[in-house]
Each structure stands twice: as structure tokens, then as C-alpha cells.
């Protein structure tokens, strides 16, 4: 008996072009950190990243939310090139082509990834962009790798910053925070499976999609084809780190407060943004007086269901209260954006960040 295998339907011209774009080697860069340069490892750490935009432009390292994939900002390639920005987007640990680490080791390993990335690409200075939980990574970089920020115009941009439910009161995140660690892992693993089956699924801090929400049906066919390929490719690679990232967002797992194995080190030794700002004040006070003040631009989503509008207000007030006298802090709410869409190029946030960054280098 002959079994006739069905052939996949032919790709549309837009799908073929999307495949060609994402096959570009710039989306598939790698580096390897030897054990001697990576704490608590006996084997090398592999890191995958995208290197897009203007290859000769100002270097901006972007770290995404719950699903921190190197594909996240693929649609921003042309915009970054036009604005003179070199956009570097690493896969977070345990996602895509970057090896996983324990949740309690994420912050330390992240610093090693950024240090290795700057060395690998011969970058004297970088700026940092964090979306959602990427805010924690971005701020940790500023705290411990301040020398990598430009001394005359050190710059950080944050979009829809993740706020812990103890401060935001956001319902879904609060429910997740109340669950034991094993239940959070199972919840997020189940949601990933649903997403892989083609259904839309909400994952709390950011989405099951790789960092940004898919375009709606009104979007041009090529953009939508790229969106769909990003989702397909991201889910075909390693996603084991997504459930771990959920625990990280909630400050759960080994090393969390109340856990016998570590105590309060999940976010790198600071429990919340007010605690971070106290540490940052000390570090900034010790910097050479000839260095410029750190600039932090924050872009809040207009409809914020993940961290909640209350969370955005708390975050904003925290910075205005504790940092206004030693940081150049600005914030704005972007009309027509959600936590998931704020990083889409057409929403204007990325363009504002790119222009602010390129303007500082002139």
C-alpha cells in the first residue's frame, strides 16, 4: 500500500520574503563564553544574538520581556539603520540559542553575557533598552557595568517596565505570585504548549509570543508574514527558559526570600526598584565628577494589563521621588499602546529612543 504524504502548501510571495529576511546571518550571530569567564559553570556558555540596524551606528543592547528572543525587534531593522543605531538583541538564558542557567544565577550570567558581547564586537560603549522584565536586566547592567555606558551620554530606555504584583496589584500577575513555584512552572509550560498549537495565550509579564504582539489583519501582508515567521522560528527553538523567566519576574525559585538556599538574590541583591535606586545613588555618587548624569527615558503603555496602570504610576513615582536629584529621568505614556504592542516600530517608541540615542552622539 502506497502512502501518499501531503505536501505543505506553497508559500506566498510575502512568506518567501519573510523567510529570506529572517535567514539573514545577522539574526544568527553566536559567541561562546569559556567557563573561566562564566561563574559556577564547568562548561562553556553559548549565546545567540541578532546584530541588526546600522553596523557603524551607536550600539544599543535590547533585552526583551518574558519571551526574550533575538527575533523580537526584527521589524525594527530598517528604522535602526535609518537612525544610525546598531541594534543588538541577545536571546535570554534558556531561550533560543542561549544556554539556560538557574533562576538564581540569571543576573550574574547576564552581566557576563553583556561583557562578552561588548568584547566580542569591540564595543567601547553601549546604551541599554529594556522591555517588560527586561527592565530588571537593563538596570542591573547600569548598576554593575556602568563603565560600558558612554561617559558623556550614558543612556537607558525602558518600555512598559515590569512591576511586581506586590506593587502593581495587577490581577493576573497577583494570581501567579500566589502560586507555589512548581505550579508557576506548570502553568507557563502549559501555556507555551497552547501557543505552539496555534492558539493565542497570555503569559502575564509579556506574552507567549516573542516579546511583541502579532500585527492585526489590517497590517500589510509582508509585515504580518514576518510576524508569523518570528513566532514560528522562536517556538521551534529552545523555550525552556520562559517558565523560569516567569519565576524570575515573581522573584520565585531558589534564592528567593524565604528560601533556605539563598535569600533575596533573584533580582541581583535588590528586592524592588526603590531598593535598586538606593544602590544606584551610591554607585553614581562614586563616579568621576566629569562623567555626565545617567539619562533614563521611560515609555509606559496606555493600556497596561500586565503590570497595571497602578504599577506604572508606582514605578514613575518611585523614580521621581528617589532619583530626580541625581538622574536625568523622563517618562511619558504612549497613546494607543499596550504592554505587548509598545515595542512595535509603528507605535513610535522605538523611533523616539533611536532618535534620542543618535542625537546624544552628535
Protein backbone atom coordinates (compact mmCIF):
# COMPACT_ATOMS: atom_id res chain seq x y z
CA UNK A 1 0.00 0.00 0.00
CA UNK A 2 1.43 3.32 -1.07
CA UNK A 3 1.09 6.11 1.43
CA UNK A 4 0.88 9.50 -0.17
CA UNK A 5 2.44 12.16 2.01
CA UNK A 6 0.73 15.50 1.84
CA UNK A 7 2.92 18.36 0.74
CA UNK A 8 2.91 21.67 2.61
CA UNK A 9 1.07 24.39 0.74
CA UNK A 10 3.29 26.66 -1.35
CA UNK A 11 4.44 29.84 0.35
CA UNK A 12 3.05 33.17 -0.71
CA UNK A 13 5.50 35.78 -2.05
CA UNK A 14 5.29 37.54 1.32
CA UNK A 15 6.11 34.32 3.19
CA UNK A 16 9.08 33.70 0.92
CA UNK A 17 10.36 37.22 1.53
CA UNK A 18 9.85 36.89 5.31
CA UNK A 19 11.83 33.62 5.24
CA UNK A 20 14.63 35.31 3.31
CA UNK A 21 14.75 38.27 5.73
CA UNK A 22 14.93 36.12 8.87
CA UNK A 23 17.51 33.79 7.31
CA UNK A 24 19.93 36.73 7.22
CA UNK A 25 23.07 35.81 9.14
CA UNK A 26 22.70 38.98 11.23
CA UNK A 27 19.87 37.27 13.13
CA UNK A 28 22.00 34.22 13.89
CA UNK A 29 25.19 35.52 15.48
CA UNK A 30 26.78 33.50 18.27
CA UNK A 31 29.53 33.71 20.83
CA UNK A 32 30.87 31.29 23.41
CA UNK A 33 31.89 32.29 26.93
CA UNK A 34 34.50 29.91 28.41
CA UNK A 35 33.93 28.51 31.91
CA UNK A 36 36.79 30.66 33.20
CA UNK A 37 34.72 33.76 32.37
CA UNK A 38 31.34 32.45 33.49
CA UNK A 39 30.57 31.86 37.14
CA UNK A 40 29.56 28.49 38.51
CA UNK A 41 29.96 26.68 35.17
CA UNK A 42 32.21 23.81 34.20
CA UNK A 43 31.19 24.03 30.54
CA UNK A 44 31.15 26.95 28.06
CA UNK A 45 28.04 29.13 27.76
CA UNK A 46 26.66 29.57 24.24
CA UNK A 47 24.92 32.86 23.44
CA UNK A 48 22.89 33.72 20.33
CA UNK A 49 22.09 37.28 19.33
CA UNK A 50 20.90 39.49 16.49
CA UNK A 51 23.14 42.28 15.19
CA UNK A 52 20.94 44.48 13.01
CA UNK A 53 20.47 48.12 12.05
CA UNK A 54 23.48 50.31 11.19
CA UNK A 55 26.70 48.29 11.63
CA UNK A 56 28.60 51.53 12.19
CA UNK A 57 25.97 53.15 14.39
CA UNK A 58 25.61 53.73 18.12
CA UNK A 59 25.37 50.36 19.87
CA UNK A 60 22.08 49.71 21.69
CA UNK A 61 21.62 46.39 23.52
CA UNK A 62 17.95 45.47 23.79
CA UNK A 63 16.65 42.90 26.25
CA UNK A 64 13.07 41.72 25.87
CA UNK A 65 10.36 40.56 28.23
CA UNK A 66 9.22 37.12 29.27
CA UNK A 67 9.97 35.67 25.84
CA UNK A 68 13.32 37.42 25.33
CA UNK A 69 14.14 36.30 21.80
CA UNK A 70 16.69 37.73 19.37
CA UNK A 71 13.92 37.89 16.76
CA UNK A 72 11.86 40.32 18.85
CA UNK A 73 12.90 43.51 17.04
CA UNK A 74 13.34 42.11 13.54
CA UNK A 75 10.85 44.65 12.18
CA UNK A 76 12.98 47.49 13.58
CA UNK A 77 15.98 46.69 11.37
CA UNK A 78 15.33 49.36 8.72
CA UNK A 79 14.34 52.00 11.29
CA UNK A 80 17.51 51.40 13.30
CA UNK A 81 19.60 51.64 10.17
CA UNK A 82 17.95 54.92 9.17
CA UNK A 83 18.56 56.39 12.66
CA UNK A 84 22.19 55.31 12.87
CA UNK A 85 21.67 52.72 15.60
CA UNK A 86 23.33 49.32 15.81
CA UNK A 87 20.72 47.13 17.48
CA UNK A 88 21.98 44.12 19.43
CA UNK A 89 19.38 41.66 20.73
CA UNK A 90 20.61 38.62 22.68
CA UNK A 91 18.48 35.59 23.44
CA UNK A 92 17.89 35.47 27.18
CA UNK A 93 19.30 32.46 29.07
CA UNK A 94 17.31 29.32 28.32
CA UNK A 95 15.66 30.85 25.24
CA UNK A 96 16.60 30.40 21.59
CA UNK A 97 20.30 29.74 21.17
CA UNK A 98 21.45 30.85 24.62
CA UNK A 99 22.15 28.15 27.19
CA UNK A 100 20.00 28.04 30.31
CA UNK A 101 21.11 28.83 33.85
CA UNK A 102 19.44 28.55 37.25
CA UNK A 103 16.97 31.30 38.07
CA UNK A 104 19.17 32.45 40.95
CA UNK A 105 22.12 32.85 38.55
CA UNK A 106 20.40 34.86 35.82
CA UNK A 107 21.65 38.29 36.84
CA UNK A 108 25.26 37.26 37.27
CA UNK A 109 25.33 35.41 33.96
CA UNK A 110 23.60 38.32 32.22
CA UNK A 111 26.47 40.63 33.21
CA UNK A 112 28.92 38.10 31.80
CA UNK A 113 26.93 37.94 28.55
CA UNK A 114 27.00 41.73 28.14
CA UNK A 115 30.70 41.91 28.98
CA UNK A 116 31.47 39.15 26.47
CA UNK A 117 29.25 40.73 23.80
CA UNK A 118 30.99 44.11 24.11
CA UNK A 119 34.40 42.43 23.95
CA UNK A 120 33.42 40.15 21.05
CA UNK A 121 32.19 43.09 18.96
CA UNK A 122 34.92 45.50 20.13
CA UNK A 123 32.39 47.95 21.52
CA UNK A 124 33.85 50.59 23.86
CA UNK A 125 30.40 51.74 24.97
CA UNK A 126 26.75 50.71 24.73
CA UNK A 127 23.30 52.01 25.61
CA UNK A 128 20.60 49.75 27.06
CA UNK A 129 16.92 49.20 26.22
CA UNK A 130 14.70 47.02 28.41
CA UNK A 131 11.12 45.94 27.74
CA UNK A 132 8.89 44.46 30.46
CA UNK A 133 11.05 42.15 32.63
CA UNK A 134 13.99 43.26 30.51
CA UNK A 135 13.85 46.38 32.69
CA UNK A 136 15.45 44.39 35.53
CA UNK A 137 18.28 43.22 33.27
CA UNK A 138 18.84 46.74 31.89
CA UNK A 139 19.02 48.32 35.34
CA UNK A 140 21.30 45.58 36.65
CA UNK A 141 23.64 46.34 33.74
CA UNK A 142 23.68 50.04 34.59
CA UNK A 143 24.41 49.26 38.23
CA UNK A 144 27.31 46.88 37.68
CA UNK A 145 28.67 47.69 34.19
CA UNK A 146 28.44 51.47 34.31
CA UNK A 147 31.83 51.71 32.58
CA UNK A 148 30.24 50.29 29.42
CA UNK A 149 27.83 53.23 29.21
CA UNK A 150 29.21 56.27 27.43
CA UNK A 151 30.82 58.63 29.96
CA UNK A 152 29.44 61.75 28.26
CA UNK A 153 25.96 60.49 27.48
CA UNK A 154 25.09 57.34 29.46
CA UNK A 155 21.63 56.27 28.33
CA UNK A 156 18.96 53.74 29.32
CA UNK A 157 15.49 53.40 27.82
CA UNK A 158 12.70 51.34 29.40
CA UNK A 159 9.41 50.36 27.76
CA UNK A 160 6.39 49.08 29.71
CA UNK A 161 8.54 48.16 32.73
CA UNK A 162 7.56 45.04 34.64
CA UNK A 163 6.29 45.84 38.14
CA UNK A 164 5.94 43.11 40.73
CA UNK A 165 2.30 42.43 41.74
CA UNK A 166 3.09 43.43 45.33
CA UNK A 167 3.38 46.98 43.94
CA UNK A 168 1.04 46.84 40.95
CA UNK A 169 -1.83 44.74 42.28
CA UNK A 170 -2.35 43.52 38.68
CA UNK A 171 -4.82 40.64 38.91
CA UNK A 172 -3.26 38.01 36.68
CA UNK A 173 0.26 38.60 37.95
CA UNK A 174 -1.05 38.56 41.53
CA UNK A 175 -2.65 35.17 40.93
CA UNK A 176 0.65 33.84 39.56
CA UNK A 177 2.56 35.27 42.52
CA UNK A 178 0.28 33.39 44.93
CA UNK A 179 1.06 30.03 43.33
CA UNK A 180 3.89 27.78 44.53
CA UNK A 181 6.94 27.64 42.26
CA UNK A 182 6.08 24.23 40.79
CA UNK A 183 2.60 25.48 39.84
CA UNK A 184 4.00 28.57 38.10
CA UNK A 185 6.30 26.36 36.04
CA UNK A 186 3.45 24.05 35.02
CA UNK A 187 1.14 26.97 34.24
CA UNK A 188 3.64 28.60 31.91
CA UNK A 189 4.72 25.32 30.32
CA UNK A 190 1.07 24.54 29.57
CA UNK A 191 0.53 28.00 28.09
CA UNK A 192 3.56 27.56 25.82
CA UNK A 193 2.08 24.27 24.57
CA UNK A 194 -1.21 26.02 23.80
CA UNK A 195 0.64 28.71 21.89
CA UNK A 196 2.61 26.15 19.91
CA UNK A 197 -0.71 24.62 18.88
CA UNK A 198 -1.67 27.93 17.31
CA UNK A 199 -3.89 29.47 19.96
CA UNK A 200 -3.32 32.88 21.48
CA UNK A 201 -2.26 32.70 25.11
CA UNK A 202 -1.48 35.34 27.70
CA UNK A 203 1.53 34.70 29.89
CA UNK A 204 1.41 37.50 32.41
CA UNK A 205 4.56 39.64 32.07
CA UNK A 206 4.70 39.91 28.25
CA UNK A 207 3.17 37.22 26.05
CA UNK A 208 3.69 33.77 24.65
CA UNK A 209 4.84 35.49 21.50
CA UNK A 210 8.50 36.52 21.33
CA UNK A 211 8.13 39.89 23.01
CA UNK A 212 5.67 41.75 20.81
CA UNK A 213 2.09 41.12 19.81
CA UNK A 214 1.33 39.95 16.29
CA UNK A 215 0.16 42.59 13.85
CA UNK A 216 -3.57 42.86 13.26
CA UNK A 217 -5.25 41.91 9.99
CA UNK A 218 -5.07 45.49 8.71
CA UNK A 219 -1.27 45.35 8.61
CA UNK A 220 0.43 44.91 5.23
CA UNK A 221 0.93 41.25 4.21
CA UNK A 222 4.74 41.29 4.43
CA UNK A 223 4.80 42.66 7.98
CA UNK A 224 2.27 40.07 9.07
CA UNK A 225 4.25 37.31 7.34
CA UNK A 226 7.40 38.39 9.21
CA UNK A 227 5.46 38.42 12.48
CA UNK A 228 4.20 34.90 11.90
CA UNK A 229 7.67 33.63 10.94
CA UNK A 230 9.15 35.21 14.08
CA UNK A 231 6.67 33.29 16.20
CA UNK A 232 7.25 30.07 14.27
CA UNK A 233 11.04 30.26 14.48
CA UNK A 234 11.11 31.31 18.12
CA UNK A 235 8.88 28.39 19.15
CA UNK A 236 10.95 25.92 17.14
CA UNK A 237 13.97 26.77 19.25
CA UNK A 238 14.54 26.38 22.99
CA UNK A 239 11.77 27.89 25.13
CA UNK A 240 12.58 26.11 28.40
CA UNK A 241 13.64 29.43 29.90
CA UNK A 242 10.18 31.00 29.59
CA UNK A 243 8.68 29.32 32.65
CA UNK A 244 11.91 30.06 34.53
CA UNK A 245 11.64 33.71 33.48
CA UNK A 246 8.14 33.77 34.95
CA UNK A 247 9.57 32.68 38.30
CA UNK A 248 12.26 35.33 37.92
CA UNK A 249 9.63 38.03 37.37
CA UNK A 250 7.83 36.91 40.51
CA UNK A 251 11.08 36.61 42.47
CA UNK A 252 10.45 32.89 42.98
CA UNK A 253 12.61 29.79 42.96
CA UNK A 254 15.92 29.05 44.74
CA UNK A 255 17.47 32.19 46.19
CA UNK A 256 14.15 33.91 46.80
CA UNK A 257 13.26 35.41 50.15
CA UNK A 258 12.13 32.72 52.50
CA UNK A 259 14.09 30.08 50.60
CA UNK A 260 16.85 28.41 52.59
CA UNK A 261 19.22 28.32 49.61
CA UNK A 262 19.87 31.98 49.03
CA UNK A 263 17.71 34.79 50.26
CA UNK A 264 16.64 37.76 48.21
CA UNK A 265 19.13 37.48 45.32
CA UNK A 266 16.81 36.70 42.40
CA UNK A 267 16.96 40.28 41.07
CA UNK A 268 20.62 40.64 41.91
CA UNK A 269 20.53 41.64 45.55
CA UNK A 270 17.82 44.31 45.40
CA UNK A 271 14.22 43.45 46.17
CA UNK A 272 12.47 46.18 44.22
CA UNK A 273 13.03 49.39 42.28
CA UNK A 274 13.18 51.58 45.38
CA UNK A 275 15.94 49.33 46.73
CA UNK A 276 17.70 49.47 43.37
CA UNK A 277 17.64 53.25 43.38
CA UNK A 278 19.30 53.39 46.77
CA UNK A 279 22.13 51.25 45.40
CA UNK A 280 22.29 53.29 42.22
CA UNK A 281 22.62 56.51 44.22
CA UNK A 282 25.68 55.09 45.99
CA UNK A 283 27.27 53.93 42.72
CA UNK A 284 26.57 57.16 40.85
CA UNK A 285 27.98 59.17 43.73
CA UNK A 286 31.28 57.36 43.37
CA UNK A 287 31.62 58.05 39.63
CA UNK A 288 34.11 60.58 38.25
CA UNK A 289 32.52 64.02 38.52
CA UNK A 290 33.43 64.72 34.89
CA UNK A 291 31.06 61.98 33.73
CA UNK A 292 27.58 63.04 32.67
CA UNK A 293 24.49 62.18 34.67
CA UNK A 294 22.77 58.96 33.73
CA UNK A 295 19.75 59.57 31.48
CA UNK A 296 16.74 57.25 31.83
CA UNK A 297 13.77 57.55 29.45
CA UNK A 298 10.67 55.51 30.32
CA UNK A 299 7.75 54.80 27.98
CA UNK A 300 4.60 53.49 29.64
CA UNK A 301 1.85 51.66 27.76
CA UNK A 302 -1.51 53.41 27.70
CA UNK A 303 -3.38 50.15 28.36
CA UNK A 304 -1.26 48.27 30.86
CA UNK A 305 -2.86 45.00 31.93
CA UNK A 306 0.34 43.15 32.80
CA UNK A 307 1.85 45.49 35.37
CA UNK A 308 -1.34 47.51 35.66
CA UNK A 309 -1.69 51.27 35.38
CA UNK A 310 -1.25 51.37 39.14
CA UNK A 311 2.10 49.64 38.65
CA UNK A 312 3.18 52.23 36.08
CA UNK A 313 2.19 55.04 38.42
CA UNK A 314 4.10 53.44 41.30
CA UNK A 315 7.20 52.96 39.13
CA UNK A 316 7.06 56.57 37.91
CA UNK A 317 6.60 58.00 41.39
CA UNK A 318 9.42 55.83 42.71
CA UNK A 319 11.91 57.30 40.25
CA UNK A 320 10.67 60.86 40.68
CA UNK A 321 10.91 60.54 44.47
CA UNK A 322 14.25 58.75 44.84
CA UNK A 323 16.23 59.65 41.71
CA UNK A 324 15.28 63.12 40.45
CA UNK A 325 18.26 64.77 42.13
CA UNK A 326 20.95 62.54 40.59
CA UNK A 327 19.40 61.06 37.41
CA UNK A 328 18.03 62.78 34.28
CA UNK A 329 14.69 60.97 34.36
CA UNK A 330 11.84 61.46 31.89
CA UNK A 331 8.65 59.47 31.37
CA UNK A 332 5.67 59.51 29.08
CA UNK A 333 2.64 57.38 28.31
CA UNK A 334 2.37 56.37 24.65
CA UNK A 335 -1.15 56.65 23.18
CA UNK A 336 -2.64 53.56 21.58
CA UNK A 337 -0.16 51.11 23.10
CA UNK A 338 -0.47 48.02 25.30
CA UNK A 339 2.20 46.13 27.22
CA UNK A 340 2.56 43.83 24.19
CA UNK A 341 2.42 46.39 21.35
CA UNK A 342 4.58 49.16 22.82
CA UNK A 343 7.70 47.78 21.09
CA UNK A 344 6.17 47.58 17.64
CA UNK A 345 8.01 50.06 15.34
CA UNK A 346 4.79 51.73 14.16
CA UNK A 347 3.90 52.77 17.73
CA UNK A 348 6.67 55.38 17.85
CA UNK A 349 8.54 54.28 20.99
CA UNK A 350 11.50 52.75 19.19
CA UNK A 351 11.82 55.75 16.88
CA UNK A 352 11.84 58.10 19.87
CA UNK A 353 14.53 56.01 21.56
CA UNK A 354 16.65 55.75 18.42
CA UNK A 355 16.45 59.49 17.80
CA UNK A 356 17.28 60.30 21.43
CA UNK A 357 20.25 57.97 21.27
CA UNK A 358 21.61 59.14 17.92
CA UNK A 359 21.08 62.77 18.96
CA UNK A 360 23.24 62.24 22.03
CA UNK A 361 26.12 61.03 19.90
CA UNK A 362 26.21 64.10 17.64
